[in-house]
Amino acid sequence: MPSVRSIALGMFIGTGSRNEAPAQAGVSHFLEHLLFKGTDRFSSVEIDQIFDGMGAEVNAGTGKETTSVYSRFLDQHLEEALDVMADMILNPAYPDIDAERQVVIEEIAMYEDEPSEKVHDVLSEAIFGDHPLGRPIIGTADVISSVPVPDIAAYHDERYVSPNLVVTAAGNLEHERLVELVQRLAPAPHGSVEPFEPAPAALAGPRACFYSKQTEQYHLCLGAPGISRADERRFALRVLDTILGGSSSSRLFQEVREKRGLAYAVYSYSSQYADTGQVGVYVGTRPDNVTEAMEVIAAELRRIATEAVEPDELSRAKENVKGRLALSLESTLTRMNRLGGSVLMGVPVLSLDEMVDRIDAVTADDVTALGDELFAPERLSAAGVGGEEEAFVRALEPVNPELAAAA
């Protein structure tokens, strides 16, 4: 991207909460924190000072299947930034980590106090049950407070290996120069990719899960298994999501918020994994609006699955998807993240023109068929966070009476 003076650099590791046994819940996320606590060459303070001295941004993230460390800096700092980041990732020293244990435990407590975030993990549990995809990425305070350093180091050494690592960058740089620097810093190839526990071939069936917490609103989700990261229907899913609840002109936003004033936040979303995925709908609303809001959402889910999308709505959604995609790819961070995730998971890296062509090829029949498959009432699980479970259960009646009865 020769028009910018910066570089976004990332290192992606193919490990996340999906790799953890129940007794390891949260170790991937905790390890991500510990990468910043120092190596034999650089203390935690020195790492902060080095990136501050570049005027750089540096951060990290943990997902269900990946962990990444990334930075954005002026192009002149590529060699130094890569050197420090590689040392952080490959050679953490695990100095006194008790303070960081407390930081992560505070993060877990903060997350528990955010019901609009918590409800999405409740939904994953309802959909995937005891499978690792059903557990929160952030983990549990019990594990974080007690996991020994040798266990963390063993987890790192098994997974942070060269076959499981992708270095990616976007911005004002030359590919050959990046390759040269990486070859200089990278260890000899060793280890092997840690396999994910396969997604369950057949789930136990839709479930309703409720987390009791005194809140001003009820936070509610409906969802079901989705499609994998490499599924060609992912482009149709982007269009479907935009029509259903992914934009301000979407059906859910207009019907729930604009026309009836039942919620401030209402939207649909999807996640894709190596061999499966998840779709969901969220709404946050006051107790006296819970049933009506769910009635409207249930009606819209039936409509997207049974009625053909009008040509103007389809065209508007496709242009929205293409526009957001093109604008996002003007960001070095977005390009870097897209490259890292795609290469790590073996998904072809398509050009913008290729992606636009696939979006343009989506038909109204594609959207209806996918909506019928993913949002069929008998597939939907439900999650809620709020005061009384009875109100949550009553609100499930218009979605699926059998789900309400089972709850």
Protein backbone atom coordinates (compact mmCIF):
# COMPACT_ATOMS: atom_id res chain seq x y z
CA MET A 1 0.00 0.00 0.00
CA PRO A 2 2.46 2.66 -1.23
CA SER A 3 0.17 5.58 -0.39
CA VAL A 4 0.73 5.16 3.37
CA ARG A 5 3.82 5.67 5.54
CA SER A 6 2.94 2.97 8.06
CA ILE A 7 3.03 -0.80 8.38
CA ALA A 8 0.63 -3.09 10.22
CA LEU A 9 2.50 -6.21 11.33
CA GLY A 10 0.89 -9.26 12.88
CA MET A 11 1.87 -12.69 14.13
CA PHE A 12 -0.94 -15.26 14.13
CA ILE A 13 -0.82 -18.50 16.09
CA GLY A 14 -3.29 -21.30 15.42
CA THR A 15 -4.42 -21.76 18.99
CA GLY A 16 -7.33 -20.44 21.02
CA SER A 17 -9.99 -21.46 23.50
CA ARG A 18 -11.06 -24.32 21.21
CA ASN A 19 -7.73 -26.03 21.97
CA GLU A 20 -8.27 -26.00 25.73
CA ALA A 21 -9.44 -28.78 28.01
CA PRO A 22 -11.94 -27.66 30.70
CA ALA A 23 -9.12 -27.52 33.26
CA GLN A 24 -7.28 -25.09 30.94
CA ALA A 25 -10.21 -22.70 30.40
CA GLY A 26 -8.70 -19.29 29.64
CA VAL A 27 -5.05 -20.34 29.35
CA SER A 28 -4.82 -19.13 25.71
CA HIS A 29 -6.07 -15.69 26.72
CA PHE A 30 -3.89 -15.57 29.83
CA LEU A 31 -0.83 -16.54 27.78
CA GLU A 32 -1.60 -13.70 25.36
CA HIS A 33 -1.31 -11.30 28.32
CA LEU A 34 1.93 -12.90 29.50
CA LEU A 35 3.63 -12.35 26.12
CA PHE A 36 3.84 -8.67 27.09
CA LYS A 37 5.42 -9.33 30.51
CA GLY A 38 8.95 -9.77 29.24
CA THR A 39 11.58 -12.04 27.72
CA ASP A 40 15.21 -12.69 28.60
CA ARG A 41 16.14 -9.78 26.30
CA PHE A 42 13.39 -7.29 27.08
CA SER A 43 11.57 -6.53 30.31
CA SER A 44 7.91 -5.57 30.29
CA VAL A 45 8.82 -1.91 30.80
CA GLU A 46 11.36 -2.04 27.97
CA ILE A 47 8.76 -3.50 25.59
CA ASP A 48 6.41 -0.63 26.43
CA GLN A 49 9.18 1.92 26.03
CA ILE A 50 10.32 0.54 22.69
CA PHE A 51 6.87 0.72 21.10
CA ASP A 52 6.12 4.08 22.75
CA GLY A 53 9.40 5.35 21.34
CA MET A 54 8.22 4.43 17.84
CA GLY A 55 4.86 6.12 18.35
CA ALA A 56 3.47 2.66 17.67
CA GLU A 57 0.26 0.87 18.57
CA VAL A 58 0.74 -2.67 19.88
CA ASN A 59 -1.95 -5.07 21.02
CA ALA A 60 -3.08 -8.68 20.95
CA GLY A 61 -6.24 -10.74 20.76
CA THR A 62 -7.42 -14.27 21.47
CA GLY A 63 -10.27 -16.02 19.67
CA LYS A 64 -11.80 -19.47 19.57
CA GLU A 65 -9.17 -20.71 17.11
CA THR A 66 -6.42 -18.08 16.89
CA THR A 67 -4.19 -15.82 18.95
CA SER A 68 -2.56 -12.76 17.41
CA VAL A 69 -0.08 -10.07 18.40
CA TYR A 70 0.00 -7.04 16.16
CA SER A 71 1.41 -3.55 15.87
CA ARG A 72 1.17 -0.50 13.62
CA PHE A 73 4.17 1.81 13.21
CA LEU A 74 6.07 4.02 10.77
CA ASP A 75 7.65 2.03 7.95
CA GLN A 76 11.19 2.87 9.12
CA HIS A 77 10.69 0.77 12.28
CA LEU A 78 9.89 -2.58 10.64
CA GLU A 79 13.10 -4.39 11.60
CA GLU A 80 13.04 -3.33 15.26
CA ALA A 81 9.32 -4.01 15.69
CA LEU A 82 9.59 -7.46 14.13
CA ASP A 83 12.59 -8.31 16.31
CA VAL A 84 10.80 -7.39 19.55
CA MET A 85 7.49 -9.03 18.58
CA ALA A 86 9.20 -12.26 17.54
CA ASP A 87 11.02 -12.43 20.87
CA MET A 88 7.79 -11.79 22.77
CA ILE A 89 5.99 -14.58 20.97
CA LEU A 90 8.72 -17.20 20.83
CA ASN A 91 10.58 -16.58 24.09
CA PRO A 92 8.34 -15.39 26.96
CA ALA A 93 10.21 -15.48 30.25
CA TYR A 94 7.24 -15.71 32.64
CA PRO A 95 8.56 -13.37 35.34
CA ASP A 96 6.47 -12.91 38.47
CA ILE A 97 3.00 -13.23 36.99
CA ASP A 98 0.78 -12.93 40.05
CA ALA A 99 -0.05 -9.30 39.28
CA GLU A 100 -1.15 -10.29 35.77
CA ARG A 101 -3.31 -13.06 37.22
CA GLN A 102 -5.18 -10.35 39.10
CA VAL A 103 -5.45 -8.19 35.96
CA VAL A 104 -7.11 -11.03 34.04
CA ILE A 105 -9.38 -11.90 36.96
CA GLU A 106 -10.48 -8.25 37.00
CA GLU A 107 -11.10 -8.49 33.24
CA ILE A 108 -13.29 -11.56 33.84
CA ALA A 109 -15.21 -9.66 36.54
CA MET A 110 -15.66 -6.70 34.19
CA TYR A 111 -16.97 -9.05 31.52
CA GLU A 112 -19.43 -10.63 33.98
CA ASP A 113 -20.76 -7.11 34.66
CA GLU A 114 -21.50 -6.60 30.92
CA PRO A 115 -24.68 -8.61 30.26
CA SER A 116 -24.82 -7.46 26.64
CA GLU A 117 -21.49 -9.28 26.16
CA LYS A 118 -22.11 -12.19 28.52
CA VAL A 119 -25.27 -13.28 26.69
CA HIS A 120 -23.31 -14.22 23.54
CA ASP A 121 -21.30 -16.80 25.48
CA VAL A 122 -24.51 -18.08 27.04
CA LEU A 123 -25.79 -18.59 23.49
CA SER A 124 -22.63 -20.45 22.44
CA GLU A 125 -23.10 -22.74 25.43
CA ALA A 126 -26.73 -23.33 24.44
CA ILE A 127 -25.71 -24.21 20.86
CA PHE A 128 -22.49 -26.19 21.38
CA GLY A 129 -22.95 -27.51 24.93
CA ASP A 130 -19.81 -29.09 26.41
CA HIS A 131 -17.81 -28.76 23.19
CA PRO A 132 -14.93 -26.25 23.47
CA LEU A 133 -16.78 -23.89 21.09
CA GLY A 134 -19.40 -23.57 23.82
CA ARG A 135 -16.96 -22.17 26.38
CA PRO A 136 -16.01 -18.48 26.85
CA ILE A 137 -12.68 -17.39 25.41
CA ILE A 138 -11.86 -15.41 28.53
CA GLY A 139 -11.89 -18.49 30.77
CA THR A 140 -12.58 -18.78 34.48
CA ALA A 141 -11.13 -17.07 37.53
CA ASP A 142 -10.51 -20.47 39.17
CA VAL A 143 -8.18 -21.57 36.38
CA ILE A 144 -6.39 -18.23 36.03
CA SER A 145 -5.76 -17.96 39.76
CA SER A 146 -4.23 -21.41 40.04
CA VAL A 147 -2.69 -22.58 36.75
CA PRO A 148 1.05 -23.21 37.37
CA VAL A 149 3.70 -21.50 35.25
CA PRO A 150 5.13 -24.85 34.01
CA ASP A 151 1.68 -25.75 32.64
CA ILE A 152 1.46 -22.40 30.84
CA ALA A 153 4.97 -22.85 29.42
CA ALA A 154 4.11 -26.37 28.21
CA TYR A 155 0.96 -25.06 26.53
CA HIS A 156 3.06 -22.38 24.80
CA ASP A 157 5.79 -24.77 23.67
CA GLU A 158 3.28 -27.22 22.16
CA ARG A 159 1.42 -24.59 20.14
CA TYR A 160 3.69 -21.62 19.43
CA VAL A 161 5.68 -23.57 16.83
CA SER A 162 6.64 -22.60 13.31
CA PRO A 163 4.10 -24.79 11.42
CA ASN A 164 1.39 -23.08 13.48
CA LEU A 165 2.57 -19.49 12.97
CA VAL A 166 1.89 -16.93 10.25
CA VAL A 167 3.65 -13.57 9.95
CA THR A 168 1.62 -11.04 8.00
CA ALA A 169 1.96 -7.37 7.14
CA ALA A 170 0.32 -4.65 5.10
CA GLY A 171 1.41 -1.10 4.34
CA ASN A 172 4.49 0.55 2.88
CA LEU A 173 6.85 -2.42 2.66
CA GLU A 174 8.30 -4.94 0.25
CA HIS A 175 7.38 -8.58 0.61
CA GLU A 176 10.91 -9.78 -0.12
CA ARG A 177 12.30 -7.59 2.66
CA LEU A 178 9.81 -9.00 5.16
CA VAL A 179 10.69 -12.56 4.13
CA GLU A 180 14.39 -11.82 4.61
CA LEU A 181 13.81 -10.45 8.11
CA VAL A 182 11.58 -13.33 9.15
CA GLN A 183 14.06 -15.93 7.91
CA ARG A 184 16.73 -14.24 10.01
CA LEU A 185 14.62 -14.36 13.19
CA ALA A 186 12.59 -17.54 12.83
CA PRO A 187 13.64 -20.72 14.63
CA ALA A 188 14.27 -23.92 12.74
CA PRO A 189 11.00 -25.62 11.83
CA HIS A 190 9.82 -27.82 14.68
CA GLY A 191 6.64 -29.11 16.24
CA SER A 192 3.32 -29.73 14.55
CA VAL A 193 -0.05 -28.08 14.29
CA GLU A 194 -2.27 -28.80 17.29
CA PRO A 195 -5.57 -30.15 15.89
CA PHE A 196 -8.92 -28.74 16.96
CA GLU A 197 -11.47 -31.01 18.54
CA PRO A 198 -13.84 -31.56 15.59
CA ALA A 199 -17.18 -29.83 15.68
CA PRO A 200 -19.91 -32.21 16.82
CA ALA A 201 -21.45 -34.05 13.89
CA ALA A 202 -24.83 -33.89 15.59
CA LEU A 203 -25.70 -31.55 18.44
CA ALA A 204 -28.02 -32.56 21.24
CA GLY A 205 -30.65 -30.19 19.83
CA PRO A 206 -31.71 -26.63 20.50
CA ARG A 207 -31.48 -25.52 24.12
CA ALA A 208 -32.44 -22.48 26.14
CA CYS A 209 -29.93 -21.20 28.69
CA PHE A 210 -30.59 -18.39 31.15
CA TYR A 211 -28.15 -16.50 33.38
CA SER A 212 -29.86 -14.79 36.28
CA LYS A 213 -28.62 -11.26 37.00
CA GLN A 214 -30.41 -8.16 38.20
CA THR A 215 -30.28 -5.79 35.25
CA GLU A 216 -32.38 -2.94 33.89
CA GLN A 217 -32.86 -4.82 30.63
CA TYR A 218 -33.20 -8.39 29.49
CA HIS A 219 -30.42 -9.31 27.07
CA LEU A 220 -31.63 -12.00 24.67
CA CYS A 221 -30.12 -14.00 21.82
CA LEU A 222 -31.42 -16.53 19.35
CA GLY A 223 -28.97 -18.57 17.30
CA ALA A 224 -27.95 -21.82 15.66
CA PRO A 225 -24.95 -23.54 14.07
CA GLY A 226 -23.77 -21.70 10.96
CA ILE A 227 -21.34 -22.33 8.12
CA SER A 228 -17.57 -22.75 8.09
CA ARG A 229 -14.98 -20.15 7.17
CA ALA A 230 -14.31 -21.69 3.75
CA ASP A 231 -17.95 -22.30 2.77
CA GLU A 232 -18.68 -20.56 -0.54
CA ARG A 233 -22.05 -19.50 0.87
CA ARG A 234 -20.26 -17.06 3.18
CA PHE A 235 -20.91 -14.32 0.62
CA ALA A 236 -24.63 -15.06 0.62
CA LEU A 237 -24.49 -15.04 4.43
CA ARG A 238 -23.00 -11.54 4.39
CA VAL A 239 -25.92 -10.36 2.27
CA LEU A 240 -28.44 -12.23 4.42
CA ASP A 241 -27.01 -10.74 7.60
CA THR A 242 -27.15 -7.22 6.14
CA ILE A 243 -30.81 -7.64 5.20
CA LEU A 244 -31.80 -9.22 8.50
CA GLY A 245 -30.01 -7.12 11.11
CA GLY A 246 -26.62 -5.89 9.99
CA SER A 247 -27.43 -2.32 8.99
CA SER A 248 -29.61 0.62 9.99
CA SER A 249 -32.06 -0.14 7.16
CA SER A 250 -32.21 -3.83 8.08
CA ARG A 251 -35.48 -5.52 8.90
CA LEU A 252 -34.79 -6.05 12.59
CA PHE A 253 -33.52 -2.50 13.13
CA GLN A 254 -36.51 -1.00 11.37
CA GLU A 255 -39.19 -3.26 12.88
CA VAL A 256 -37.91 -3.53 16.48
CA ARG A 257 -36.29 -0.14 17.01
CA GLU A 258 -37.55 2.39 14.51
CA LYS A 259 -41.21 1.40 14.19
CA ARG A 260 -41.96 0.12 17.70
CA GLY A 261 -39.26 1.60 19.95
CA LEU A 262 -38.76 -1.74 21.69
CA ALA A 263 -34.95 -1.60 21.91
CA TYR A 264 -31.94 0.60 21.48
CA ALA A 265 -29.70 -2.28 20.34
CA VAL A 266 -30.90 -5.03 18.02
CA TYR A 267 -28.77 -6.78 15.40
CA SER A 268 -27.81 -10.06 13.75
CA TYR A 269 -24.31 -11.49 13.43
CA SER A 270 -22.35 -14.56 12.37
CA SER A 271 -19.07 -16.27 13.22
CA GLN A 272 -17.18 -18.73 11.06
CA TYR A 273 -14.78 -21.40 12.30
CA ALA A 274 -12.65 -24.06 10.60
CA ASP A 275 -15.42 -26.63 10.27
CA THR A 276 -18.60 -24.96 11.49
CA GLY A 277 -20.00 -21.58 12.43
CA GLN A 278 -22.68 -19.76 14.36
CA VAL A 279 -25.44 -17.31 13.52
CA GLY A 280 -27.22 -15.16 16.04
CA VAL A 281 -29.65 -12.34 16.74
CA TYR A 282 -29.38 -10.05 19.78
CA VAL A 283 -31.80 -7.65 21.42
CA GLY A 284 -31.64 -5.74 24.69
CA THR A 285 -35.00 -4.55 26.01
CA ARG A 286 -36.87 -3.68 29.23
CA PRO A 287 -38.85 -6.44 30.99
CA ASP A 288 -42.25 -5.24 29.79
CA ASN A 289 -41.09 -5.35 26.14
CA VAL A 290 -39.48 -8.79 26.15
CA THR A 291 -42.37 -10.81 24.72
CA GLU A 292 -43.30 -8.30 22.02
CA ALA A 293 -39.68 -7.89 20.92
CA MET A 294 -39.28 -11.64 20.55
CA GLU A 295 -42.56 -11.90 18.64
CA VAL A 296 -41.32 -9.36 16.11
CA ILE A 297 -37.92 -11.06 15.80
CA ALA A 298 -39.55 -14.48 15.36
CA ALA A 299 -41.77 -13.09 12.61
CA GLU A 300 -38.78 -11.59 10.78
CA LEU A 301 -36.85 -14.85 11.00
CA ARG A 302 -39.80 -16.69 9.47
CA ARG A 303 -40.10 -14.08 6.75
CA ILE A 304 -36.41 -14.19 5.74
CA ALA A 305 -36.70 -17.99 5.45
CA THR A 306 -39.92 -18.17 3.45
CA GLU A 307 -40.45 -14.99 1.42
CA ALA A 308 -38.33 -13.92 -1.54
CA VAL A 309 -36.25 -10.80 -1.01
CA GLU A 310 -37.39 -7.90 -3.19
CA PRO A 311 -34.93 -6.81 -5.91
CA ASP A 312 -34.36 -3.33 -4.47
CA GLU A 313 -33.67 -4.71 -0.97
CA LEU A 314 -31.27 -7.30 -2.37
CA SER A 315 -29.46 -4.68 -4.46
CA ARG A 316 -29.17 -2.31 -1.49
CA ALA A 317 -27.76 -5.06 0.73
CA LYS A 318 -25.21 -6.15 -1.86
CA GLU A 319 -24.01 -2.58 -2.40
CA ASN A 320 -23.76 -2.17 1.38
CA VAL A 321 -21.60 -5.28 1.71
CA LYS A 322 -19.34 -4.25 -1.17
CA GLY A 323 -18.99 -0.71 0.14
CA ARG A 324 -18.10 -1.76 3.67
CA LEU A 325 -15.64 -4.32 2.32
CA ALA A 326 -13.86 -1.82 0.07
CA LEU A 327 -13.69 0.83 2.79
CA SER A 328 -12.35 -1.63 5.35
CA LEU A 329 -9.56 -2.71 3.00
CA GLU A 330 -8.23 0.85 2.98
CA SER A 331 -7.03 0.08 6.52
CA THR A 332 -3.62 -1.54 6.92
CA LEU A 333 -4.84 -3.32 10.07
CA THR A 334 -7.81 -4.83 8.26
CA ARG A 335 -5.68 -6.05 5.38
CA MET A 336 -3.11 -7.51 7.76
CA ASN A 337 -5.77 -9.32 9.83
CA ARG A 338 -7.49 -10.69 6.73
CA LEU A 339 -4.21 -12.06 5.38
CA GLY A 340 -3.21 -13.63 8.68
CA GLY A 341 -6.50 -15.36 9.33
CA SER A 342 -6.89 -16.60 5.76
CA VAL A 343 -3.39 -18.04 5.43
CA LEU A 344 -3.44 -19.62 8.89
CA MET A 345 -6.76 -21.36 8.16
CA GLY A 346 -5.99 -22.27 4.56
CA VAL A 347 -8.70 -20.06 3.06
CA PRO A 348 -7.88 -18.56 -0.36
CA VAL A 349 -6.94 -14.88 -0.21
CA LEU A 350 -9.26 -13.32 -2.77
CA SER A 351 -8.75 -9.92 -4.36
CA LEU A 352 -11.33 -7.19 -3.84
CA ASP A 353 -12.57 -7.70 -7.41
CA GLU A 354 -12.99 -11.44 -6.83
CA MET A 355 -14.97 -10.83 -3.64
CA VAL A 356 -17.14 -8.22 -5.37
CA ASP A 357 -17.89 -10.71 -8.15
CA ARG A 358 -19.00 -13.32 -5.60
CA ILE A 359 -21.23 -10.81 -3.82
CA ASP A 360 -22.76 -9.69 -7.13
CA ALA A 361 -23.51 -13.35 -7.91
CA VAL A 362 -25.71 -13.79 -4.80
CA THR A 363 -29.36 -14.23 -5.77
CA ALA A 364 -32.61 -13.78 -3.87
CA ASP A 365 -33.02 -17.56 -3.94
CA ASP A 366 -29.57 -17.96 -2.33
CA VAL A 367 -30.59 -15.67 0.53
CA THR A 368 -33.95 -17.38 1.11
CA ALA A 369 -32.45 -20.88 0.98
CA LEU A 370 -29.73 -19.98 3.46
CA GLY A 371 -32.20 -18.21 5.74
CA ASP A 372 -34.43 -21.28 5.66
CA GLU A 373 -31.51 -23.55 6.50
CA LEU A 374 -29.91 -21.48 9.26
CA PHE A 375 -32.88 -19.82 10.96
CA ALA A 376 -35.47 -22.62 10.87
CA PRO A 377 -37.35 -22.43 14.22
CA GLU A 378 -36.54 -26.02 15.11
CA ARG A 379 -32.79 -25.24 14.92
CA LEU A 380 -32.80 -22.16 17.13
CA SER A 381 -31.30 -22.11 20.59
CA ALA A 382 -31.90 -19.22 22.96
CA ALA A 383 -29.94 -17.37 25.63
CA GLY A 384 -30.93 -14.76 28.13
CA VAL A 385 -29.44 -12.61 30.88
CA GLY A 386 -31.87 -10.82 33.16
CA GLY A 387 -33.90 -10.85 36.33
CA GLU A 388 -36.54 -13.58 36.08
CA GLU A 389 -36.26 -16.69 33.98
CA GLU A 390 -40.06 -17.00 33.64
CA ALA A 391 -40.24 -13.88 31.44
CA PHE A 392 -37.48 -15.29 29.24
CA VAL A 393 -39.28 -18.64 28.85
CA ARG A 394 -42.61 -16.97 28.01
CA ALA A 395 -40.91 -14.91 25.32
CA LEU A 396 -39.74 -18.10 23.57
CA GLU A 397 -43.30 -19.20 22.78
CA PRO A 398 -43.56 -17.26 19.48
CA VAL A 399 -40.11 -18.51 18.46
CA ASN A 400 -40.69 -22.21 19.08
CA PRO A 401 -43.23 -23.55 21.60
CA GLU A 402 -41.22 -26.76 21.97
CA LEU A 403 -38.12 -24.79 22.97
CA ALA A 404 -40.17 -22.86 25.53
CA ALA A 405 -41.60 -26.10 26.90
CA ALA A 406 -38.16 -27.68 27.17
CA ALA A 407 -36.82 -24.59 28.95
